[in-house]
Amino acid sequence: MTTAVSASSGLVGGTFAPSLFLGGVLGAGFHNVVADSLQVLVEQHPELSAYPIVQGISGLPAFAMVGAASVLAALFRAPLTASLLLFECTRNYDVILPLMASAA
């Protein structure tokens, strides 16, 4: 929907901006699903709370950024460009490896 509106309006952005938006929304949605699933899992099995993976996951912005990189890399077939572009937006060295892994 956003791609059709952006491409038909003739404004700046074309398919680039909607792909970043769609990837960010999908990444944020995936974060919510994973966080809720882990919470339910720990409530059902309290002994799992000792494991570090269950204690917490990365924040929502990290998931949104990784989602945006993966959608951008898939649509434009440029994984390195997508990874480096989103890294340049944040300058966060902690997220460069997940960006490259998701874009590959």
PDB file of N, CA and C in Angstrom:
ATOM      1  N   MET A   1       0.828  -1.189   0.000  1.00  0.00           N
ATOM      2  CA  MET A   1       0.000   0.000   0.000  1.00  0.00           C
ATOM      3  C   MET A   1       0.872   1.251   0.000  1.00  0.00           C
ATOM      4  N   THR A   2       1.853   1.279   0.905  1.00  0.00           N
ATOM      5  CA  THR A   2       2.706   2.468   0.965  1.00  0.00           C
ATOM      6  C   THR A   2       3.564   2.596  -0.280  1.00  0.00           C
ATOM      7  N   THR A   3       3.988   1.480  -0.852  1.00  0.00           N
ATOM      8  CA  THR A   3       4.786   1.531  -2.071  1.00  0.00           C
ATOM      9  C   THR A   3       3.954   2.056  -3.226  1.00  0.00           C
ATOM     10  N   ALA A   4       2.717   1.623  -3.337  1.00  0.00           N
ATOM     11  CA  ALA A   4       1.848   2.093  -4.412  1.00  0.00           C
ATOM     12  C   ALA A   4       1.581   3.585  -4.291  1.00  0.00           C
ATOM     13  N   VAL A   5       1.328   4.057  -3.093  1.00  0.00           N
ATOM     14  CA  VAL A   5       1.085   5.487  -2.889  1.00  0.00           C
ATOM     15  C   VAL A   5       2.343   6.289  -3.187  1.00  0.00           C
ATOM     16  N   SER A   6       3.476   5.802  -2.720  1.00  0.00           N
ATOM     17  CA  SER A   6       4.730   6.523  -2.918  1.00  0.00           C
ATOM     18  C   SER A   6       5.143   6.546  -4.382  1.00  0.00           C
ATOM     19  N   ALA A   7       4.996   5.432  -5.077  1.00  0.00           N
ATOM     20  CA  ALA A   7       5.408   5.373  -6.480  1.00  0.00           C
ATOM     21  C   ALA A   7       4.462   6.160  -7.378  1.00  0.00           C
ATOM     22  N   SER A   8       3.171   6.122  -7.094  1.00  0.00           N
ATOM     23  CA  SER A   8       2.216   6.817  -7.957  1.00  0.00           C
ATOM     24  C   SER A   8       2.160   8.315  -7.695  1.00  0.00           C
ATOM     25  N   SER A   9       2.584   8.753  -6.532  1.00  0.00           N
ATOM     26  CA  SER A   9       2.526  10.184  -6.231  1.00  0.00           C
ATOM     27  C   SER A   9       3.629  10.959  -6.923  1.00  0.00           C
ATOM     28  N   GLY A  10       4.711  10.290  -7.276  1.00  0.00           N
ATOM     29  CA  GLY A  10       5.809  10.971  -7.953  1.00  0.00           C
ATOM     30  C   GLY A  10       6.705  11.754  -7.013  1.00  0.00           C
ATOM     31  N   LEU A  11       6.495  11.632  -5.728  1.00  0.00           N
ATOM     32  CA  LEU A  11       7.322  12.338  -4.759  1.00  0.00           C
ATOM     33  C   LEU A  11       8.623  11.586  -4.521  1.00  0.00           C
ATOM     34  N   VAL A  12       9.504  12.213  -3.780  1.00  0.00           N
ATOM     35  CA  VAL A  12      10.788  11.601  -3.473  1.00  0.00           C
ATOM     36  C   VAL A  12      10.570  10.405  -2.547  1.00  0.00           C
ATOM     37  N   GLY A  13      11.290   9.352  -2.765  1.00  0.00           N
ATOM     38  CA  GLY A  13      11.190   8.162  -1.923  1.00  0.00           C
ATOM     39  C   GLY A  13      10.996   6.921  -2.754  1.00  0.00           C
ATOM     40  N   GLY A  14      10.133   6.970  -3.733  1.00  0.00           N
ATOM     41  CA  GLY A  14       9.921   5.825  -4.608  1.00  0.00           C
ATOM     42  C   GLY A  14       9.609   4.565  -3.837  1.00  0.00           C
ATOM     43  N   THR A  15      10.443   3.561  -4.008  1.00  0.00           N
ATOM     44  CA  THR A  15      10.258   2.306  -3.289  1.00  0.00           C
ATOM     45  C   THR A  15      11.224   2.175  -2.119  1.00  0.00           C
ATOM     46  N   PHE A  16      12.149   3.105  -2.004  1.00  0.00           N
ATOM     47  CA  PHE A  16      13.163   3.047  -0.956  1.00  0.00           C
ATOM     48  C   PHE A  16      12.561   3.305   0.426  1.00  0.00           C
ATOM     49  N   ALA A  17      11.883   4.414   0.590  1.00  0.00           N
ATOM     50  CA  ALA A  17      11.311   4.773   1.892  1.00  0.00           C
ATOM     51  C   ALA A  17      10.246   3.774   2.361  1.00  0.00           C
ATOM     52  N   PRO A  18       9.329   3.331   1.490  1.00  0.00           N
ATOM     53  CA  PRO A  18       8.355   2.335   1.964  1.00  0.00           C
ATOM     54  C   PRO A  18       8.988   1.009   2.370  1.00  0.00           C
ATOM     55  N   SER A  19      10.089   0.630   1.721  1.00  0.00           N
ATOM     56  CA  SER A  19      10.736  -0.625   2.116  1.00  0.00           C
ATOM     57  C   SER A  19      11.358  -0.497   3.502  1.00  0.00           C
ATOM     58  N   LEU A  20      11.923   0.657   3.818  1.00  0.00           N
ATOM     59  CA  LEU A  20      12.451   0.872   5.166  1.00  0.00           C
ATOM     60  C   LEU A  20      11.326   0.863   6.198  1.00  0.00           C
ATOM     61  N   PHE A  21      10.226   1.507   5.861  1.00  0.00           N
ATOM     62  CA  PHE A  21       9.077   1.554   6.769  1.00  0.00           C
ATOM     63  C   PHE A  21       8.500   0.158   7.001  1.00  0.00           C
ATOM     64  N   LEU A  22       8.296  -0.587   5.919  1.00  0.00           N
ATOM     65  CA  LEU A  22       7.733  -1.927   6.038  1.00  0.00           C
ATOM     66  C   LEU A  22       8.648  -2.840   6.842  1.00  0.00           C
ATOM     67  N   GLY A  23       9.946  -2.764   6.596  1.00  0.00           N
ATOM     68  CA  GLY A  23      10.891  -3.575   7.358  1.00  0.00           C
ATOM     69  C   GLY A  23      10.907  -3.214   8.829  1.00  0.00           C
ATOM     70  N   GLY A  24      10.831  -1.925   9.123  1.00  0.00           N
ATOM     71  CA  GLY A  24      10.791  -1.490  10.517  1.00  0.00           C
ATOM     72  C   GLY A  24       9.544  -1.977  11.236  1.00  0.00           C
ATOM     73  N   VAL A  25       8.420  -1.918  10.559  1.00  0.00           N
ATOM     74  CA  VAL A  25       7.165  -2.384  11.157  1.00  0.00           C
ATOM     75  C   VAL A  25       7.200  -3.895  11.377  1.00  0.00           C
ATOM     76  N   LEU A  26       7.713  -4.631  10.397  1.00  0.00           N
ATOM     77  CA  LEU A  26       7.807  -6.087  10.553  1.00  0.00           C
ATOM     78  C   LEU A  26       8.785  -6.472  11.660  1.00  0.00           C
ATOM     79  N   GLY A  27       9.901  -5.764  11.756  1.00  0.00           N
ATOM     80  CA  GLY A  27      10.861  -6.033  12.822  1.00  0.00           C
ATOM     81  C   GLY A  27      10.288  -5.736  14.194  1.00  0.00           C
ATOM     82  N   ALA A  28       9.552  -4.646  14.313  1.00  0.00           N
ATOM     83  CA  ALA A  28       8.924  -4.306  15.593  1.00  0.00           C
ATOM     84  C   ALA A  28       7.855  -5.331  15.965  1.00  0.00           C
ATOM     85  N   GLY A  29       7.097  -5.779  14.981  1.00  0.00           N
ATOM     86  CA  GLY A  29       6.097  -6.809  15.240  1.00  0.00           C
ATOM     87  C   GLY A  29       6.725  -8.122  15.677  1.00  0.00           C
ATOM     88  N   PHE A  30       7.848  -8.472  15.051  1.00  0.00           N
ATOM     89  CA  PHE A  30       8.560  -9.694  15.437  1.00  0.00           C
ATOM     90  C   PHE A  30       9.083  -9.583  16.862  1.00  0.00           C
ATOM     91  N   HIS A  31       9.563  -8.398  17.238  1.00  0.00           N
ATOM     92  CA  HIS A  31      10.024  -8.182  18.617  1.00  0.00           C
ATOM     93  C   HIS A  31       8.892  -8.420  19.602  1.00  0.00           C
ATOM     94  N   ASN A  32       7.734  -7.887  19.302  1.00  0.00           N
ATOM     95  CA  ASN A  32       6.601  -8.050  20.216  1.00  0.00           C
ATOM     96  C   ASN A  32       6.196  -9.514  20.357  1.00  0.00           C
ATOM     97  N   VAL A  33       6.222 -10.255  19.254  1.00  0.00           N
ATOM     98  CA  VAL A  33       5.875 -11.677  19.303  1.00  0.00           C
ATOM     99  C   VAL A  33       6.891 -12.447  20.142  1.00  0.00           C
ATOM    100  N   VAL A  34       8.182 -12.181  19.923  1.00  0.00           N
ATOM    101  CA  VAL A  34       9.225 -12.891  20.667  1.00  0.00           C
ATOM    102  C   VAL A  34       9.172 -12.536  22.150  1.00  0.00           C
ATOM    103  N   ALA A  35       9.007 -11.261  22.466  1.00  0.00           N
ATOM    104  CA  ALA A  35       8.967 -10.842  23.869  1.00  0.00           C
ATOM    105  C   ALA A  35       7.769 -11.448  24.594  1.00  0.00           C
ATOM    106  N   ASP A  36       6.612 -11.438  23.949  1.00  0.00           N
ATOM    107  CA  ASP A  36       5.424 -12.027  24.574  1.00  0.00           C
ATOM    108  C   ASP A  36       5.562 -13.538  24.727  1.00  0.00           C
ATOM    109  N   SER A  37       6.153 -14.188  23.733  1.00  0.00           N
ATOM    110  CA  SER A  37       6.340 -15.639  23.807  1.00  0.00           C
ATOM    111  C   SER A  37       7.292 -16.018  24.933  1.00  0.00           C
ATOM    112  N   LEU A  38       8.374 -15.262  25.085  1.00  0.00           N
ATOM    113  CA  LEU A  38       9.309 -15.544  26.172  1.00  0.00           C
ATOM    114  C   LEU A  38       8.669 -15.315  27.534  1.00  0.00           C
ATOM    115  N   GLN A  39       7.838 -14.293  27.632  1.00  0.00           N
ATOM    116  CA  GLN A  39       7.170 -14.018  28.900  1.00  0.00           C
ATOM    117  C   GLN A  39       6.218 -15.158  29.269  1.00  0.00           C
ATOM    118  N   VAL A  40       5.471 -15.643  28.311  1.00  0.00           N
ATOM    119  CA  VAL A  40       4.557 -16.757  28.572  1.00  0.00           C
ATOM    120  C   VAL A  40       5.340 -18.018  28.914  1.00  0.00           C
ATOM    121  N   LEU A  41       6.454 -18.243  28.224  1.00  0.00           N
ATOM    122  CA  LEU A  41       7.278 -19.424  28.480  1.00  0.00           C
ATOM    123  C   LEU A  41       7.846 -19.409  29.897  1.00  0.00           C
ATOM    124  N   VAL A  42       8.308 -18.250  30.348  1.00  0.00           N
ATOM    125  CA  VAL A  42       8.863 -18.147  31.701  1.00  0.00           C
ATOM    126  C   VAL A  42       7.764 -18.290  32.752  1.00  0.00           C
ATOM    127  N   GLU A  43       6.570 -17.787  32.460  1.00  0.00           N
ATOM    128  CA  GLU A  43       5.465 -17.951  33.409  1.00  0.00           C
ATOM    129  C   GLU A  43       5.070 -19.419  33.559  1.00  0.00           C
ATOM    130  N   GLN A  44       5.154 -20.178  32.474  1.00  0.00           N
ATOM    131  CA  GLN A  44       4.792 -21.591  32.531  1.00  0.00           C
ATOM    132  C   GLN A  44       5.910 -22.454  33.107  1.00  0.00           C
ATOM    133  N   HIS A  45       7.156 -22.044  32.879  1.00  0.00           N
ATOM    134  CA  HIS A  45       8.317 -22.806  33.345  1.00  0.00           C
ATOM    135  C   HIS A  45       9.276 -21.857  34.061  1.00  0.00           C
ATOM    136  N   PRO A  46       9.078 -21.594  35.343  1.00  0.00           N
ATOM    137  CA  PRO A  46       9.910 -20.625  36.073  1.00  0.00           C
ATOM    138  C   PRO A  46      11.390 -20.992  36.133  1.00  0.00           C
ATOM    139  N   GLU A  47      11.723 -22.264  35.992  1.00  0.00           N
ATOM    140  CA  GLU A  47      13.132 -22.663  36.049  1.00  0.00           C
ATOM    141  C   GLU A  47      13.932 -22.136  34.853  1.00  0.00           C
ATOM    142  N   LEU A  48      13.264 -21.728  33.796  1.00  0.00           N
ATOM    143  CA  LEU A  48      13.959 -21.198  32.619  1.00  0.00           C
ATOM    144  C   LEU A  48      14.468 -19.777  32.814  1.00  0.00           C
ATOM    145  N   SER A  49      14.038 -19.113  33.873  1.00  0.00           N
ATOM    146  CA  SER A  49      14.447 -17.718  34.079  1.00  0.00           C
ATOM    147  C   SER A  49      15.926 -17.587  34.408  1.00  0.00           C
ATOM    148  N   ALA A  50      16.607 -18.690  34.694  1.00  0.00           N
ATOM    149  CA  ALA A  50      18.043 -18.640  34.999  1.00  0.00           C
ATOM    150  C   ALA A  50      18.890 -18.475  33.745  1.00  0.00           C
ATOM    151  N   TYR A  51      18.341 -18.785  32.580  1.00  0.00           N
ATOM    152  CA  TYR A  51      19.106 -18.691  31.340  1.00  0.00           C
ATOM    153  C   TYR A  51      19.147 -17.253  30.837  1.00  0.00           C
ATOM    154  N   PRO A  52      20.302 -16.794  30.361  1.00  0.00           N
ATOM    155  CA  PRO A  52      20.433 -15.389  29.934  1.00  0.00           C
ATOM    156  C   PRO A  52      19.540 -15.014  28.761  1.00  0.00           C
ATOM    157  N   ILE A  53      19.270 -15.938  27.845  1.00  0.00           N
ATOM    158  CA  ILE A  53      18.459 -15.608  26.679  1.00  0.00           C
ATOM    159  C   ILE A  53      17.025 -15.290  27.073  1.00  0.00           C
ATOM    160  N   VAL A  54      16.574 -15.874  28.173  1.00  0.00           N
ATOM    161  CA  VAL A  54      15.200 -15.662  28.608  1.00  0.00           C
ATOM    162  C   VAL A  54      15.074 -14.387  29.431  1.00  0.00           C
ATOM    163  N   GLN A  55      16.170 -13.930  30.018  1.00  0.00           N
ATOM    164  CA  GLN A  55      16.112 -12.756  30.887  1.00  0.00           C
ATOM    165  C   GLN A  55      15.812 -11.477  30.123  1.00  0.00           C
ATOM    166  N   GLY A  56      16.191 -11.415  28.893  1.00  0.00           N
ATOM    167  CA  GLY A  56      15.887 -10.222  28.130  1.00  0.00           C
ATOM    168  C   GLY A  56      16.412 -10.322  26.716  1.00  0.00           C
ATOM    169  N   ILE A  57      15.718  -9.660  25.817  1.00  0.00           N
ATOM    170  CA  ILE A  57      16.152  -9.614  24.430  1.00  0.00           C
ATOM    171  C   ILE A  57      16.472  -8.174  24.084  1.00  0.00           C
ATOM    172  N   SER A  58      17.015  -7.966  22.925  1.00  0.00           N
ATOM    173  CA  SER A  58      17.350  -6.606  22.494  1.00  0.00           C
ATOM    174  C   SER A  58      16.093  -5.756  22.420  1.00  0.00           C
ATOM    175  N   GLY A  59      16.300  -4.466  22.384  1.00  0.00           N
ATOM    176  CA  GLY A  59      15.183  -3.544  22.372  1.00  0.00           C
ATOM    177  C   GLY A  59      14.452  -3.493  21.044  1.00  0.00           C
ATOM    178  N   LEU A  60      13.292  -2.897  21.068  1.00  0.00           N
ATOM    179  CA  LEU A  60      12.456  -2.764  19.886  1.00  0.00           C
ATOM    180  C   LEU A  60      13.153  -2.010  18.757  1.00  0.00           C
ATOM    181  N   PRO A  61      13.891  -0.924  19.021  1.00  0.00           N
ATOM    182  CA  PRO A  61      14.567  -0.236  17.910  1.00  0.00           C
ATOM    183  C   PRO A  61      15.583  -1.104  17.181  1.00  0.00           C
ATOM    184  N   ALA A  62      16.251  -1.992  17.898  1.00  0.00           N
ATOM    185  CA  ALA A  62      17.215  -2.883  17.244  1.00  0.00           C
ATOM    186  C   ALA A  62      16.502  -3.850  16.307  1.00  0.00           C
ATOM    187  N   PHE A  63      15.383  -4.391  16.734  1.00  0.00           N
ATOM    188  CA  PHE A  63      14.619  -5.296  15.886  1.00  0.00           C
ATOM    189  C   PHE A  63      14.062  -4.561  14.672  1.00  0.00           C
ATOM    190  N   ALA A  64      13.596  -3.337  14.869  1.00  0.00           N
ATOM    191  CA  ALA A  64      13.074  -2.560  13.746  1.00  0.00           C
ATOM    192  C   ALA A  64      14.171  -2.261  12.736  1.00  0.00           C
ATOM    193  N   MET A  65      15.353  -1.954  13.216  1.00  0.00           N
ATOM    194  CA  MET A  65      16.461  -1.651  12.313  1.00  0.00           C
ATOM    195  C   MET A  65      16.899  -2.891  11.542  1.00  0.00           C
ATOM    196  N   VAL A  66      16.957  -4.024  12.199  1.00  0.00           N
ATOM    197  CA  VAL A  66      17.326  -5.271  11.524  1.00  0.00           C
ATOM    198  C   VAL A  66      16.258  -5.654  10.501  1.00  0.00           C
ATOM    199  N   GLY A  67      15.002  -5.454  10.833  1.00  0.00           N
ATOM    200  CA  GLY A  67      13.929  -5.719   9.873  1.00  0.00           C
ATOM    201  C   GLY A  67      14.006  -4.815   8.665  1.00  0.00           C
ATOM    202  N   ALA A  68      14.308  -3.546   8.886  1.00  0.00           N
ATOM    203  CA  ALA A  68      14.440  -2.610   7.770  1.00  0.00           C
ATOM    204  C   ALA A  68      15.605  -2.995   6.871  1.00  0.00           C
ATOM    205  N   ALA A  69      16.709  -3.422   7.463  1.00  0.00           N
ATOM    206  CA  ALA A  69      17.871  -3.829   6.663  1.00  0.00           C
ATOM    207  C   ALA A  69      17.562  -5.070   5.845  1.00  0.00           C
ATOM    208  N   SER A  70      16.856  -6.017   6.426  1.00  0.00           N
ATOM    209  CA  SER A  70      16.581  -7.253   5.694  1.00  0.00           C
ATOM    210  C   SER A  70      15.604  -7.027   4.541  1.00  0.00           C
ATOM    211  N   VAL A  71      14.580  -6.205   4.745  1.00  0.00           N
ATOM    212  CA  VAL A  71      13.644  -5.922   3.655  1.00  0.00           C
ATOM    213  C   VAL A  71      14.329  -5.106   2.563  1.00  0.00           C
ATOM    214  N   LEU A  72      15.121  -4.132   2.953  1.00  0.00           N
ATOM    215  CA  LEU A  72      15.843  -3.324   1.968  1.00  0.00           C
ATOM    216  C   LEU A  72      16.812  -4.180   1.161  1.00  0.00           C
ATOM    217  N   ALA A  73      17.527  -5.074   1.821  1.00  0.00           N
ATOM    218  CA  ALA A  73      18.474  -5.950   1.125  1.00  0.00           C
ATOM    219  C   ALA A  73      17.754  -6.914   0.187  1.00  0.00           C
ATOM    220  N   ALA A  74      16.600  -7.401   0.598  1.00  0.00           N
ATOM    221  CA  ALA A  74      15.866  -8.344  -0.246  1.00  0.00           C
ATOM    222  C   ALA A  74      15.266  -7.665  -1.472  1.00  0.00           C
ATOM    223  N   LEU A  75      14.735  -6.473  -1.301  1.00  0.00           N
ATOM    224  CA  LEU A  75      14.100  -5.795  -2.427  1.00  0.00           C
ATOM    225  C   LEU A  75      15.095  -5.279  -3.457  1.00  0.00           C
ATOM    226  N   PHE A  76      16.205  -4.750  -2.997  1.00  0.00           N
ATOM    227  CA  PHE A  76      17.170  -4.145  -3.915  1.00  0.00           C
ATOM    228  C   PHE A  76      18.364  -5.044  -4.208  1.00  0.00           C
ATOM    229  N   ARG A  77      18.385  -6.227  -3.608  1.00  0.00           N
ATOM    230  CA  ARG A  77      19.472  -7.196  -3.800  1.00  0.00           C
ATOM    231  C   ARG A  77      20.835  -6.563  -3.550  1.00  0.00           C
ATOM    232  N   ALA A  78      20.911  -5.851  -2.448  1.00  0.00           N
ATOM    233  CA  ALA A  78      22.151  -5.174  -2.055  1.00  0.00           C
ATOM    234  C   ALA A  78      22.340  -5.312  -0.549  1.00  0.00           C
ATOM    235  N   PRO A  79      22.765  -6.480  -0.079  1.00  0.00           N
ATOM    236  CA  PRO A  79      22.848  -6.691   1.368  1.00  0.00           C
ATOM    237  C   PRO A  79      23.891  -5.830   2.067  1.00  0.00           C
ATOM    238  N   LEU A  80      25.046  -5.657   1.456  1.00  0.00           N
ATOM    239  CA  LEU A  80      26.081  -4.850   2.101  1.00  0.00           C
ATOM    240  C   LEU A  80      25.663  -3.387   2.172  1.00  0.00           C
ATOM    241  N   THR A  81      25.042  -2.910   1.120  1.00  0.00           N
ATOM    242  CA  THR A  81      24.564  -1.528   1.109  1.00  0.00           C
ATOM    243  C   THR A  81      23.509  -1.307   2.186  1.00  0.00           C
ATOM    244  N   ALA A  82      22.585  -2.233   2.322  1.00  0.00           N
ATOM    245  CA  ALA A  82      21.537  -2.096   3.340  1.00  0.00           C
ATOM    246  C   ALA A  82      22.126  -2.113   4.739  1.00  0.00           C
ATOM    247  N   SER A  83      23.078  -3.008   4.974  1.00  0.00           N
ATOM    248  CA  SER A  83      23.699  -3.091   6.299  1.00  0.00           C
ATOM    249  C   SER A  83      24.445  -1.816   6.641  1.00  0.00           C
ATOM    250  N   LEU A  84      25.253  -1.356   5.717  1.00  0.00           N
ATOM    251  CA  LEU A  84      26.047  -0.159   5.989  1.00  0.00           C
ATOM    252  C   LEU A  84      25.193   1.099   6.061  1.00  0.00           C
ATOM    253  N   LEU A  85      24.141   1.160   5.270  1.00  0.00           N
ATOM    254  CA  LEU A  85      23.259   2.330   5.307  1.00  0.00           C
ATOM    255  C   LEU A  85      22.587   2.465   6.669  1.00  0.00           C
ATOM    256  N   LEU A  86      22.071   1.382   7.195  1.00  0.00           N
ATOM    257  CA  LEU A  86      21.407   1.469   8.495  1.00  0.00           C
ATOM    258  C   LEU A  86      22.403   1.600   9.631  1.00  0.00           C
ATOM    259  N   PHE A  87      23.602   1.080   9.456  1.00  0.00           N
ATOM    260  CA  PHE A  87      24.637   1.316  10.460  1.00  0.00           C
ATOM    261  C   PHE A  87      25.016   2.790  10.483  1.00  0.00           C
ATOM    262  N   GLU A  88      25.128   3.405   9.321  1.00  0.00           N
ATOM    263  CA  GLU A  88      25.468   4.827   9.250  1.00  0.00           C
ATOM    264  C   GLU A  88      24.383   5.701   9.877  1.00  0.00           C
ATOM    265  N   CYS A  89      23.153   5.238   9.843  1.00  0.00           N
ATOM    266  CA  CYS A  89      22.066   6.015  10.453  1.00  0.00           C
ATOM    267  C   CYS A  89      22.177   6.058  11.970  1.00  0.00           C
ATOM    268  N   THR A  90      22.727   5.011  12.569  1.00  0.00           N
ATOM    269  CA  THR A  90      22.739   4.936  14.025  1.00  0.00           C
ATOM    270  C   THR A  90      24.121   5.030  14.646  1.00  0.00           C
ATOM    271  N   ARG A  91      25.141   4.598  13.938  1.00  0.00           N
ATOM    272  CA  ARG A  91      26.514   4.533  14.474  1.00  0.00           C
ATOM    273  C   ARG A  91      26.579   3.674  15.737  1.00  0.00           C
ATOM    274  N   ASN A  92      25.772   2.645  15.782  1.00  0.00           N
ATOM    275  CA  ASN A  92      25.737   1.724  16.915  1.00  0.00           C
ATOM    276  C   ASN A  92      26.479   0.451  16.519  1.00  0.00           C
ATOM    277  N   TYR A  93      27.663   0.244  17.101  1.00  0.00           N
ATOM    278  CA  TYR A  93      28.485  -0.903  16.732  1.00  0.00           C
ATOM    279  C   TYR A  93      27.914  -2.226  17.230  1.00  0.00           C
ATOM    280  N   ASP A  94      27.025  -2.193  18.195  1.00  0.00           N
ATOM    281  CA  ASP A  94      26.453  -3.423  18.736  1.00  0.00           C
ATOM    282  C   ASP A  94      25.486  -4.098  17.771  1.00  0.00           C
ATOM    283  N   VAL A  95      24.991  -3.376  16.804  1.00  0.00           N
ATOM    284  CA  VAL A  95      23.964  -3.922  15.924  1.00  0.00           C
ATOM    285  C   VAL A  95      24.501  -4.259  14.532  1.00  0.00           C
ATOM    286  N   ILE A  96      25.788  -4.036  14.281  1.00  0.00           N
ATOM    287  CA  ILE A  96      26.324  -4.262  12.936  1.00  0.00           C
ATOM    288  C   ILE A  96      26.294  -5.743  12.559  1.00  0.00           C
ATOM    289  N   LEU A  97      26.594  -6.640  13.484  1.00  0.00           N
ATOM    290  CA  LEU A  97      26.574  -8.073  13.167  1.00  0.00           C
ATOM    291  C   LEU A  97      25.155  -8.581  12.891  1.00  0.00           C
ATOM    292  N   PRO A  98      24.145  -8.240  13.706  1.00  0.00           N
ATOM    293  CA  PRO A  98      22.780  -8.647  13.349  1.00  0.00           C
ATOM    294  C   PRO A  98      22.301  -8.032  12.034  1.00  0.00           C
ATOM    295  N   LEU A  99      22.726  -6.806  11.740  1.00  0.00           N
ATOM    296  CA  LEU A  99      22.352  -6.197  10.464  1.00  0.00           C
ATOM    297  C   LEU A  99      22.905  -6.994   9.296  1.00  0.00           C
ATOM    298  N   MET A 100      24.176  -7.346   9.375  1.00  0.00           N
ATOM    299  CA  MET A 100      24.794  -8.092   8.279  1.00  0.00           C
ATOM    300  C   MET A 100      24.219  -9.502   8.165  1.00  0.00           C
ATOM    301  N   ALA A 101      23.921 -10.122   9.287  1.00  0.00           N
ATOM    302  CA  ALA A 101      23.358 -11.476   9.247  1.00  0.00           C
ATOM    303  C   ALA A 101      21.953 -11.481   8.650  1.00  0.00           C
ATOM    304  N   SER A 102      21.155 -10.492   8.978  1.00  0.00           N
ATOM    305  CA  SER A 102      19.786 -10.464   8.458  1.00  0.00           C
ATOM    306  C   SER A 102      19.739 -10.055   6.996  1.00  0.00           C
ATOM    307  N   ALA A 103      20.690  -9.256   6.563  1.00  0.00           N
ATOM    308  CA  ALA A 103      20.695  -8.803   5.176  1.00  0.00           C
ATOM    309  C   ALA A 103      21.288  -9.841   4.235  1.00  0.00           C
ATOM    310  N   ALA A 104      22.032 -10.781   4.781  1.00  0.00           N
ATOM    311  CA  ALA A 104      22.690 -11.775   3.914  1.00  0.00           C
ATOM    312  C   ALA A 104      21.746 -12.793   3.448  1.00  0.00           C
TER     313      ALA A 104
END
